[in-house]
Amino acid sequence: MELDYHNMRAFADSWGLVFMFAVFAVVVLWTLRPGGKKSSDDAARIPFKED
């Protein structure tokens, strides 16, 4: 039982970090893409829209 825990922990420590970095990079690149300014501005104005 303990061997399985250690294998899963080692997998999570190595590939989990790679996965989280890849998600972070995708989010940053998605935010900074050339066509994203309009949608970002629209999303930023949502709290100020009146019904």
Protein backbone atom coordinates (compact mmCIF):
# COMPACT_ATOMS: atom_id res chain seq x y z
CA MET A 1 0.00 0.00 0.00
CA GLU A 2 2.76 2.42 0.89
CA LEU A 3 4.60 1.77 -2.37
CA ASP A 4 1.56 2.92 -4.34
CA TYR A 5 1.35 6.14 -2.34
CA HIS A 6 5.02 6.95 -2.97
CA ASN A 7 4.71 6.26 -6.69
CA MET A 8 1.65 8.47 -6.98
CA ARG A 9 3.33 11.19 -4.92
CA ALA A 10 6.43 11.13 -7.14
CA PHE A 11 4.26 11.31 -10.25
CA ALA A 12 2.30 14.26 -8.85
CA ASP A 13 5.47 16.07 -7.79
CA SER A 14 7.06 15.81 -11.22
CA TRP A 15 4.28 15.81 -13.82
CA GLY A 16 1.87 17.81 -11.69
CA LEU A 17 4.33 20.70 -11.74
CA VAL A 18 4.72 20.42 -15.51
CA PHE A 19 0.93 20.37 -15.94
CA MET A 20 0.39 23.42 -13.71
CA PHE A 21 3.12 25.36 -15.55
CA ALA A 22 1.54 24.46 -18.90
CA VAL A 23 -1.87 25.68 -17.71
CA PHE A 24 -0.29 28.91 -16.45
CA ALA A 25 1.50 29.48 -19.78
CA VAL A 26 -1.70 28.87 -21.76
CA VAL A 27 -3.66 31.32 -19.60
CA VAL A 28 -0.99 34.01 -19.97
CA LEU A 29 -0.74 33.52 -23.72
CA TRP A 30 -4.53 33.50 -24.08
CA THR A 31 -4.77 36.77 -22.17
CA LEU A 32 -2.04 38.45 -24.19
CA ARG A 33 -3.17 37.26 -27.63
CA PRO A 34 -3.55 39.98 -30.27
CA GLY A 35 -7.33 39.71 -30.64
CA GLY A 36 -8.07 39.60 -26.93
CA LYS A 37 -8.17 43.30 -26.12
CA LYS A 38 -11.83 43.81 -27.04
CA SER A 39 -13.08 40.81 -25.10
CA SER A 40 -10.91 41.75 -22.11
CA ASP A 41 -12.26 45.30 -22.15
CA ASP A 42 -15.82 44.00 -22.40
CA ALA A 43 -15.26 41.65 -19.45
CA ALA A 44 -13.72 44.48 -17.40
CA ARG A 45 -16.81 46.62 -17.90
CA ILE A 46 -19.34 43.98 -16.79
CA PRO A 47 -19.63 45.27 -13.18
CA PHE A 48 -20.40 48.78 -14.43
CA LYS A 49 -23.14 47.84 -16.90
CA GLU A 50 -26.63 48.90 -15.97
CA ASP A 51 -29.57 46.60 -16.44
